[in-house]
Every structure is written in C-alpha cells, then in structure tokens.
Amino acid sequence: MSGTITTKFQGLDQLTRRLRAAGAATQSVFREAAEAGGRVIQRHANANAPGPHIGIEVKAENAERAVASVGPKKEKWFYRFREFGTKEHGPKHKKTRFQSYLRKVGATVSDRRVSMLRWYVNGQPIFARRVRGVSAKPFLQPAMQRTDEIVDAVGEVYLKAIMEKTG
C-alpha cells in the first residue's frame, strides 16, 4: 500500500491488561482484533473510493502487537490523487519543448500526423499543455475517523477472548 495514515486508539490498554491477566493474550487474538478494526475501515473506504480496490494486510509485529494496513492495492497507486488532490501542473514557460519541436519539423499541434509525437520525442517526455488540478475527495480519512465502530470491533474480539478463557 502506498502512503501511510496512522491512527492510534486510546483506551485499548485496559483491555490488553485484562487479556494478559486472563491468559488470553495470544498473537492470534491481536491479529484477529487488528483485522476486525481494519475491516471496518475497509468497508467504509470502499463505499467512498473511486472503485472497489481497497485492500487490507494484517501483520503481527510482535507477540502483543498486530497492525492492519488498509489502503488502495498497489496497482491502484493513483487513488492517492483522489485522496489528497493535486495542484495544477505542467510546463512553466509558454514556449514548450513540444511547440519548438513542432516548429522545427514544420507541423502544428492540430496536425493529425503529430498525435503520436505528442508525448515523447527521441525518448524524452514532452508536455504540450498545463494539466488542471484535482480537488481532494478523501475516502480513507473519513473511514479512519469512525473510531467508535473500530474500537467496538476490536473490543468485541478482545472480550470474546477474555470470556473464552475465563468462562
């Protein structure tokens, strides 16, 4: 997953202490809890994302810590432009390399025969015009702000493990 947005939840330490006291603090419980919280984020992000390509990856960092990474799959790296937006960009000067090349070969931008030359000439990228910016339409940040649902999902996994151990 490209880019990182990190959220830390307060108040889960008390549940973790109860897990340890009950002897239910196992790596599988932490992985399951991280995945439950990550699934809440994934579900809400998929609802607002430009497509259904939000993945989740759960890793156990140590015996008492697991991390769920939620975000666009690697082949959808361009989703970050929708999440954060972009400014207008392109050539800084009115006289671009593309326009000067066209003058050299005696063609104009509207000629159909130069459509293939438009972006690359001699292997070098050429930008003929400015590209408008894209305003941000975040889908991950609002999903991460659903902390009550996330904590509830994680807490349910923790409490289930405590109940199984203590009866």
Protein backbone atom coordinates (compact mmCIF):
# COMPACT_ATOMS: atom_id res chain seq x y z
CA MET A 1 0.00 0.00 0.00
CA SER A 2 1.36 3.38 -0.87
CA GLY A 3 1.40 6.26 1.57
CA THR A 4 0.57 5.98 5.23
CA ILE A 5 -2.10 7.35 7.51
CA THR A 6 -1.64 6.18 11.09
CA THR A 7 -4.22 6.18 13.86
CA LYS A 8 -3.65 5.19 17.48
CA PHE A 9 -6.58 4.42 19.74
CA GLN A 10 -6.60 5.27 23.42
CA GLY A 11 -8.25 3.01 26.00
CA LEU A 12 -7.36 -0.35 24.48
CA ASP A 13 -4.53 -0.72 27.01
CA GLN A 14 -7.01 -1.62 29.73
CA LEU A 15 -8.46 -4.43 27.62
CA THR A 16 -4.96 -5.64 26.77
CA ARG A 17 -4.14 -5.83 30.51
CA ARG A 18 -7.29 -7.89 31.08
CA LEU A 19 -6.27 -10.21 28.23
CA ARG A 20 -2.86 -10.72 29.85
CA ALA A 21 -4.42 -11.29 33.29
CA ALA A 22 -6.82 -13.87 31.89
CA GLY A 23 -4.02 -15.61 29.97
CA ALA A 24 -5.75 -14.87 26.67
CA ALA A 25 -3.09 -12.54 25.26
CA THR A 26 -2.03 -14.56 22.22
CA GLN A 27 -0.71 -13.41 18.89
CA SER A 28 -3.79 -14.78 17.11
CA VAL A 29 -6.11 -12.64 19.28
CA PHE A 30 -4.17 -9.49 18.43
CA ARG A 31 -4.13 -10.37 14.72
CA GLU A 32 -7.87 -11.05 14.78
CA ALA A 33 -8.55 -7.77 16.60
CA ALA A 34 -6.41 -5.77 14.16
CA GLU A 35 -8.20 -7.40 11.23
CA ALA A 36 -11.64 -6.65 12.75
CA GLY A 37 -10.76 -2.96 13.09
CA GLY A 38 -9.22 -2.90 9.61
CA ARG A 39 -12.34 -4.44 8.07
CA VAL A 40 -14.46 -1.57 9.45
CA ILE A 41 -12.11 0.94 7.79
CA GLN A 42 -12.00 -1.08 4.57
CA ARG A 43 -15.80 -1.30 4.36
CA HIS A 44 -16.27 2.48 4.76
CA ALA A 45 -13.36 3.35 2.45
CA ASN A 46 -14.71 1.06 -0.30
CA ALA A 47 -18.05 2.87 -0.09
CA ASN A 48 -16.40 6.23 -0.98
CA ALA A 49 -13.40 5.11 -3.07
CA PRO A 50 -13.35 5.51 -6.87
CA GLY A 51 -13.51 1.72 -7.16
CA PRO A 52 -13.63 -1.41 -5.00
CA HIS A 53 -9.87 -1.82 -4.76
CA ILE A 54 -9.16 -1.14 -1.09
CA GLY A 55 -7.09 -3.92 0.40
CA ILE A 56 -6.19 -4.96 3.92
CA GLU A 57 -2.96 -6.53 5.12
CA VAL A 58 -2.54 -7.71 8.72
CA LYS A 59 0.93 -8.26 10.21
CA ALA A 60 1.93 -9.35 13.70
CA GLU A 61 4.77 -7.06 14.78
CA ASN A 62 5.49 -8.99 17.98
CA ALA A 63 3.72 -11.27 20.47
CA GLU A 64 1.40 -8.49 21.67
CA ARG A 65 1.02 -6.17 18.71
CA ALA A 66 -0.55 -6.58 15.29
CA VAL A 67 -1.06 -3.91 12.64
CA ALA A 68 -3.70 -3.73 9.92
CA SER A 69 -2.69 -1.74 6.85
CA VAL A 70 -5.71 -0.56 4.86
CA GLY A 71 -5.43 1.27 1.56
CA PRO A 72 -5.51 1.05 -2.22
CA LYS A 73 -3.94 -2.02 -3.77
CA LYS A 74 -0.55 -1.37 -5.36
CA GLU A 75 -1.88 -1.34 -8.92
CA LYS A 76 -4.26 1.48 -7.89
CA TRP A 77 -1.46 3.85 -6.79
CA PHE A 78 -3.24 6.78 -8.46
CA TYR A 79 -6.01 6.70 -5.80
CA ARG A 80 -3.73 8.94 -3.73
CA PHE A 81 -4.53 11.80 -6.14
CA ARG A 82 -8.20 11.49 -5.23
CA GLU A 83 -7.43 11.23 -1.51
CA PHE A 84 -5.10 14.25 -1.29
CA GLY A 85 -5.78 16.20 -4.52
CA THR A 86 -3.22 17.81 -6.84
CA LYS A 87 -2.30 21.32 -7.89
CA GLU A 88 -2.28 22.48 -11.47
CA HIS A 89 0.97 21.37 -13.10
CA GLY A 90 2.75 21.34 -16.42
CA PRO A 91 5.37 23.40 -18.22
CA LYS A 92 6.46 26.61 -16.51
CA HIS A 93 7.09 28.52 -19.71
CA LYS A 94 4.71 29.31 -22.56
CA LYS A 95 7.24 28.11 -25.08
CA THR A 96 7.36 24.36 -24.51
CA ARG A 97 9.82 21.88 -25.94
CA PHE A 98 6.93 20.32 -27.83
CA GLN A 99 5.95 23.56 -29.56
CA SER A 100 9.54 24.33 -30.50
CA TYR A 101 9.95 20.79 -31.88
CA LEU A 102 6.79 21.20 -33.99
CA ARG A 103 8.12 24.47 -35.44
CA LYS A 104 11.36 22.68 -36.29
CA VAL A 105 9.57 19.92 -38.23
CA GLY A 106 7.06 22.35 -39.78
CA ALA A 107 3.89 20.98 -38.15
CA THR A 108 1.22 22.39 -35.88
CA VAL A 109 -0.39 20.98 -32.75
CA SER A 110 -3.63 20.32 -34.66
CA ASP A 111 -1.97 18.14 -37.32
CA ARG A 112 -3.12 14.54 -37.02
CA ARG A 113 0.30 13.28 -38.02
CA VAL A 114 1.89 14.62 -34.83
CA SER A 115 -0.54 12.92 -32.46
CA MET A 116 1.95 10.09 -31.91
CA LEU A 117 4.76 12.60 -31.28
CA ARG A 118 2.76 14.49 -28.72
CA TRP A 119 4.11 12.94 -25.53
CA TYR A 120 7.56 11.56 -26.44
CA VAL A 121 10.20 12.76 -28.86
CA ASN A 122 13.52 10.92 -29.00
CA GLY A 123 12.54 9.10 -25.79
CA GLN A 124 12.15 12.37 -23.85
CA PRO A 125 8.78 13.28 -22.31
CA ILE A 126 7.16 16.40 -23.72
CA PHE A 127 4.19 18.15 -22.15
CA ALA A 128 2.21 20.33 -24.52
CA ARG A 129 -0.15 21.95 -22.03
CA ARG A 130 -0.87 22.50 -18.37
CA VAL A 131 -2.93 19.92 -16.52
CA ARG A 132 -5.74 21.12 -14.28
CA GLY A 133 -5.51 20.22 -10.64
CA VAL A 134 -7.82 17.76 -8.95
CA SER A 135 -9.59 18.68 -5.74
CA ALA A 136 -9.27 16.23 -2.86
CA LYS A 137 -12.14 13.81 -2.33
CA PRO A 138 -10.88 11.75 0.60
CA PHE A 139 -12.18 8.26 1.21
CA LEU A 140 -9.64 6.83 3.68
CA GLN A 141 -9.50 9.71 6.16
CA PRO A 142 -13.29 9.72 6.81
CA ALA A 143 -13.20 5.94 7.20
CA MET A 144 -10.41 6.26 9.79
CA GLN A 145 -12.49 8.77 11.76
CA ARG A 146 -15.10 6.13 12.58
CA THR A 147 -13.24 5.40 15.79
CA ASP A 148 -16.30 4.26 17.76
CA GLU A 149 -17.04 1.48 15.28
CA ILE A 150 -13.39 0.48 15.06
CA VAL A 151 -12.92 0.33 18.83
CA ASP A 152 -16.19 -1.63 19.16
CA ALA A 153 -15.00 -4.22 16.62
CA VAL A 154 -11.59 -4.57 18.32
CA GLY A 155 -13.18 -4.63 21.78
CA GLU A 156 -15.58 -7.42 20.76
CA VAL A 157 -12.66 -9.62 19.73
CA TYR A 158 -10.82 -8.86 22.98
CA LEU A 159 -13.88 -9.51 25.15
CA LYS A 160 -14.67 -12.75 23.30
CA ALA A 161 -11.12 -13.97 24.03
CA ILE A 162 -11.40 -12.97 27.70
CA MET A 163 -14.78 -14.73 28.04
CA GLU A 164 -13.48 -17.91 26.40
CA LYS A 165 -10.53 -18.03 28.79
CA THR A 166 -12.39 -17.12 31.99
CA GLY A 167 -15.67 -18.86 31.26
